[in-house]
Protein backbone atom coordinates (compact mmCIF):
# COMPACT_ATOMS: atom_id res chain seq x y z
CA UNK A 1 0.00 0.00 0.00
CA UNK A 2 1.30 3.44 -0.89
CA UNK A 3 1.09 5.79 2.06
CA UNK A 4 -1.46 8.52 1.35
CA UNK A 5 -3.13 6.70 -1.55
CA UNK A 6 -6.79 5.90 -0.98
CA UNK A 7 -8.69 2.96 -2.50
CA UNK A 8 -10.03 4.95 -5.48
CA UNK A 9 -6.57 6.26 -6.29
CA UNK A 10 -5.17 2.73 -6.18
CA UNK A 11 -7.85 1.46 -8.59
CA UNK A 12 -6.96 4.25 -11.03
CA UNK A 13 -3.24 3.54 -10.53
CA UNK A 14 -3.69 -0.14 -11.35
CA UNK A 15 -5.56 0.69 -14.56
CA UNK A 16 -3.09 3.39 -15.64
CA UNK A 17 -0.04 1.26 -14.84
CA UNK A 18 -1.50 -1.67 -16.80
CA UNK A 19 -2.15 0.54 -19.83
CA UNK A 20 1.31 2.17 -19.82
CA UNK A 21 3.14 -1.12 -19.34
CA UNK A 22 1.06 -2.80 -22.06
CA UNK A 23 1.97 0.01 -24.47
CA UNK A 24 5.66 -0.35 -23.63
CA UNK A 25 5.54 -4.12 -24.18
CA UNK A 26 3.51 -3.97 -27.42
CA UNK A 27 5.03 -0.91 -29.08
CA UNK A 28 8.55 -0.32 -27.72
CA UNK A 29 11.88 -2.05 -27.35
CA UNK A 30 13.23 -3.22 -24.02
CA UNK A 31 14.56 -3.05 -21.49
CA UNK A 32 11.56 -1.61 -19.67
CA UNK A 33 11.07 -0.48 -16.08
CA UNK A 34 8.25 0.85 -13.90
CA UNK A 35 8.30 3.27 -10.97
CA UNK A 36 5.35 4.16 -8.74
CA UNK A 37 5.59 6.71 -5.92
CA UNK A 38 3.68 9.43 -4.13
CA UNK A 39 4.97 12.84 -5.25
CA UNK A 40 3.52 15.86 -3.46
CA UNK A 41 -0.24 15.48 -3.93
CA UNK A 42 -0.05 13.04 -6.86
CA UNK A 43 0.61 9.37 -7.30
CA UNK A 44 3.16 9.24 -10.10
CA UNK A 45 3.64 6.26 -12.41
CA UNK A 46 6.62 6.18 -14.79
CA UNK A 47 7.31 3.54 -17.45
CA UNK A 48 10.67 3.57 -19.23
CA UNK A 49 11.48 1.86 -22.53
CA UNK A 50 14.23 1.95 -25.14
CA UNK A 51 12.24 3.45 -28.05
CA UNK A 52 12.43 7.25 -27.94
CA UNK A 53 11.18 7.65 -31.50
CA UNK A 54 7.85 5.87 -31.11
CA UNK A 55 5.05 8.45 -30.78
CA UNK A 56 1.99 7.80 -28.64
CA UNK A 57 -1.38 9.18 -29.71
CA UNK A 58 -4.55 8.67 -27.66
CA UNK A 59 -7.19 6.79 -29.65
CA UNK A 60 -4.83 5.63 -32.42
CA UNK A 61 -3.38 2.13 -32.70
CA UNK A 62 -0.98 0.56 -35.14
CA UNK A 63 -2.42 -2.83 -34.14
CA UNK A 64 -5.91 -2.47 -35.61
CA UNK A 65 -9.30 -0.83 -35.27
CA UNK A 66 -10.33 -2.56 -32.05
CA UNK A 67 -7.30 -1.19 -30.20
CA UNK A 68 -5.94 2.20 -29.18
CA UNK A 69 -8.23 3.19 -26.36
CA UNK A 70 -5.77 2.75 -23.47
CA UNK A 71 -4.32 6.26 -23.62
CA UNK A 72 -7.82 7.71 -23.90
CA UNK A 73 -8.52 6.12 -20.51
CA UNK A 74 -5.17 7.31 -19.12
CA UNK A 75 -5.94 10.82 -20.40
CA UNK A 76 -9.33 10.77 -18.66
CA UNK A 77 -7.98 10.05 -15.16
CA UNK A 78 -4.47 11.60 -15.15
CA UNK A 79 -2.14 14.28 -16.34
CA UNK A 80 0.43 12.47 -18.45
CA UNK A 81 3.32 13.10 -20.75
CA UNK A 82 6.46 11.78 -22.37
CA UNK A 83 10.05 12.63 -21.48
CA UNK A 84 12.45 11.60 -24.23
CA UNK A 85 16.12 10.82 -23.87
CA UNK A 86 18.67 9.98 -26.55
CA UNK A 87 17.94 6.25 -26.43
CA UNK A 88 14.96 5.99 -24.08
CA UNK A 89 11.63 7.52 -23.21
CA UNK A 90 9.64 7.73 -20.01
CA UNK A 91 5.87 7.85 -20.22
CA UNK A 92 4.57 9.25 -16.96
CA UNK A 93 1.14 9.75 -15.45
CA UNK A 94 0.18 11.69 -12.33
CA UNK A 95 -3.04 10.78 -10.54
CA UNK A 96 -4.25 13.57 -8.26
CA UNK A 97 -5.15 12.76 -4.68
CA UNK A 98 -8.92 12.98 -4.33
C-alpha atoms as a PDB file:
ATOM      1  CA  UNK A   1       0.000   0.000   0.000  1.00  0.00           C
ATOM      2  CA  UNK A   2       1.303   3.442  -0.886  1.00  0.00           C
ATOM      3  CA  UNK A   3       1.090   5.793   2.065  1.00  0.00           C
ATOM      4  CA  UNK A   4      -1.465   8.517   1.352  1.00  0.00           C
ATOM      5  CA  UNK A   5      -3.133   6.701  -1.551  1.00  0.00           C
ATOM      6  CA  UNK A   6      -6.789   5.898  -0.985  1.00  0.00           C
ATOM      7  CA  UNK A   7      -8.688   2.956  -2.504  1.00  0.00           C
ATOM      8  CA  UNK A   8     -10.032   4.954  -5.475  1.00  0.00           C
ATOM      9  CA  UNK A   9      -6.568   6.264  -6.291  1.00  0.00           C
ATOM     10  CA  UNK A  10      -5.171   2.729  -6.183  1.00  0.00           C
ATOM     11  CA  UNK A  11      -7.847   1.457  -8.592  1.00  0.00           C
ATOM     12  CA  UNK A  12      -6.963   4.247 -11.032  1.00  0.00           C
ATOM     13  CA  UNK A  13      -3.244   3.545 -10.529  1.00  0.00           C
ATOM     14  CA  UNK A  14      -3.690  -0.137 -11.355  1.00  0.00           C
ATOM     15  CA  UNK A  15      -5.561   0.695 -14.558  1.00  0.00           C
ATOM     16  CA  UNK A  16      -3.087   3.390 -15.643  1.00  0.00           C
ATOM     17  CA  UNK A  17      -0.041   1.259 -14.840  1.00  0.00           C
ATOM     18  CA  UNK A  18      -1.497  -1.667 -16.795  1.00  0.00           C
ATOM     19  CA  UNK A  19      -2.146   0.539 -19.832  1.00  0.00           C
ATOM     20  CA  UNK A  20       1.306   2.172 -19.817  1.00  0.00           C
ATOM     21  CA  UNK A  21       3.138  -1.119 -19.338  1.00  0.00           C
ATOM     22  CA  UNK A  22       1.060  -2.799 -22.057  1.00  0.00           C
ATOM     23  CA  UNK A  23       1.968   0.014 -24.468  1.00  0.00           C
ATOM     24  CA  UNK A  24       5.659  -0.349 -23.627  1.00  0.00           C
ATOM     25  CA  UNK A  25       5.539  -4.117 -24.182  1.00  0.00           C
ATOM     26  CA  UNK A  26       3.514  -3.966 -27.418  1.00  0.00           C
ATOM     27  CA  UNK A  27       5.033  -0.907 -29.076  1.00  0.00           C
ATOM     28  CA  UNK A  28       8.546  -0.319 -27.721  1.00  0.00           C
ATOM     29  CA  UNK A  29      11.877  -2.045 -27.353  1.00  0.00           C
ATOM     30  CA  UNK A  30      13.232  -3.217 -24.018  1.00  0.00           C
ATOM     31  CA  UNK A  31      14.558  -3.045 -21.488  1.00  0.00           C
ATOM     32  CA  UNK A  32      11.563  -1.607 -19.668  1.00  0.00           C
ATOM     33  CA  UNK A  33      11.069  -0.483 -16.077  1.00  0.00           C
ATOM     34  CA  UNK A  34       8.246   0.850 -13.903  1.00  0.00           C
ATOM     35  CA  UNK A  35       8.299   3.271 -10.972  1.00  0.00           C
ATOM     36  CA  UNK A  36       5.346   4.155  -8.743  1.00  0.00           C
ATOM     37  CA  UNK A  37       5.592   6.708  -5.923  1.00  0.00           C
ATOM     38  CA  UNK A  38       3.684   9.430  -4.133  1.00  0.00           C
ATOM     39  CA  UNK A  39       4.972  12.839  -5.250  1.00  0.00           C
ATOM     40  CA  UNK A  40       3.516  15.864  -3.464  1.00  0.00           C
ATOM     41  CA  UNK A  41      -0.237  15.484  -3.931  1.00  0.00           C
ATOM     42  CA  UNK A  42      -0.049  13.042  -6.862  1.00  0.00           C
ATOM     43  CA  UNK A  43       0.611   9.367  -7.298  1.00  0.00           C
ATOM     44  CA  UNK A  44       3.161   9.235 -10.098  1.00  0.00           C
ATOM     45  CA  UNK A  45       3.645   6.258 -12.414  1.00  0.00           C
ATOM     46  CA  UNK A  46       6.623   6.177 -14.795  1.00  0.00           C
ATOM     47  CA  UNK A  47       7.308   3.535 -17.445  1.00  0.00           C
ATOM     48  CA  UNK A  48      10.670   3.571 -19.235  1.00  0.00           C
ATOM     49  CA  UNK A  49      11.484   1.862 -22.528  1.00  0.00           C
ATOM     50  CA  UNK A  50      14.226   1.950 -25.139  1.00  0.00           C
ATOM     51  CA  UNK A  51      12.236   3.452 -28.048  1.00  0.00           C
ATOM     52  CA  UNK A  52      12.433   7.254 -27.936  1.00  0.00           C
ATOM     53  CA  UNK A  53      11.184   7.654 -31.495  1.00  0.00           C
ATOM     54  CA  UNK A  54       7.855   5.869 -31.113  1.00  0.00           C
ATOM     55  CA  UNK A  55       5.050   8.450 -30.775  1.00  0.00           C
ATOM     56  CA  UNK A  56       1.987   7.803 -28.642  1.00  0.00           C
ATOM     57  CA  UNK A  57      -1.377   9.175 -29.711  1.00  0.00           C
ATOM     58  CA  UNK A  58      -4.553   8.667 -27.662  1.00  0.00           C
ATOM     59  CA  UNK A  59      -7.186   6.788 -29.646  1.00  0.00           C
ATOM     60  CA  UNK A  60      -4.833   5.632 -32.420  1.00  0.00           C
ATOM     61  CA  UNK A  61      -3.376   2.128 -32.701  1.00  0.00           C
ATOM     62  CA  UNK A  62      -0.978   0.556 -35.140  1.00  0.00           C
ATOM     63  CA  UNK A  63      -2.420  -2.834 -34.139  1.00  0.00           C
ATOM     64  CA  UNK A  64      -5.914  -2.470 -35.611  1.00  0.00           C
ATOM     65  CA  UNK A  65      -9.303  -0.826 -35.268  1.00  0.00           C
ATOM     66  CA  UNK A  66     -10.332  -2.561 -32.054  1.00  0.00           C
ATOM     67  CA  UNK A  67      -7.300  -1.191 -30.202  1.00  0.00           C
ATOM     68  CA  UNK A  68      -5.935   2.200 -29.182  1.00  0.00           C
ATOM     69  CA  UNK A  69      -8.231   3.189 -26.358  1.00  0.00           C
ATOM     70  CA  UNK A  70      -5.774   2.753 -23.471  1.00  0.00           C
ATOM     71  CA  UNK A  71      -4.316   6.255 -23.621  1.00  0.00           C
ATOM     72  CA  UNK A  72      -7.820   7.706 -23.905  1.00  0.00           C
ATOM     73  CA  UNK A  73      -8.516   6.121 -20.512  1.00  0.00           C
ATOM     74  CA  UNK A  74      -5.169   7.311 -19.121  1.00  0.00           C
ATOM     75  CA  UNK A  75      -5.944  10.825 -20.400  1.00  0.00           C
ATOM     76  CA  UNK A  76      -9.335  10.772 -18.663  1.00  0.00           C
ATOM     77  CA  UNK A  77      -7.984  10.050 -15.161  1.00  0.00           C
ATOM     78  CA  UNK A  78      -4.472  11.598 -15.149  1.00  0.00           C
ATOM     79  CA  UNK A  79      -2.144  14.281 -16.339  1.00  0.00           C
ATOM     80  CA  UNK A  80       0.429  12.470 -18.445  1.00  0.00           C
ATOM     81  CA  UNK A  81       3.317  13.098 -20.745  1.00  0.00           C
ATOM     82  CA  UNK A  82       6.462  11.781 -22.365  1.00  0.00           C
ATOM     83  CA  UNK A  83      10.049  12.629 -21.477  1.00  0.00           C
ATOM     84  CA  UNK A  84      12.448  11.600 -24.230  1.00  0.00           C
ATOM     85  CA  UNK A  85      16.124  10.817 -23.869  1.00  0.00           C
ATOM     86  CA  UNK A  86      18.666   9.976 -26.552  1.00  0.00           C
ATOM     87  CA  UNK A  87      17.944   6.246 -26.427  1.00  0.00           C
ATOM     88  CA  UNK A  88      14.955   5.989 -24.076  1.00  0.00           C
ATOM     89  CA  UNK A  89      11.634   7.517 -23.210  1.00  0.00           C
ATOM     90  CA  UNK A  90       9.640   7.734 -20.013  1.00  0.00           C
ATOM     91  CA  UNK A  91       5.867   7.845 -20.223  1.00  0.00           C
ATOM     92  CA  UNK A  92       4.566   9.251 -16.961  1.00  0.00           C
ATOM     93  CA  UNK A  93       1.137   9.747 -15.451  1.00  0.00           C
ATOM     94  CA  UNK A  94       0.178  11.692 -12.334  1.00  0.00           C
ATOM     95  CA  UNK A  95      -3.042  10.779 -10.539  1.00  0.00           C
ATOM     96  CA  UNK A  96      -4.252  13.573  -8.262  1.00  0.00           C
ATOM     97  CA  UNK A  97      -5.146  12.762  -4.682  1.00  0.00           C
ATOM     98  CA  UNK A  98      -8.920  12.982  -4.329  1.00  0.00           C
END
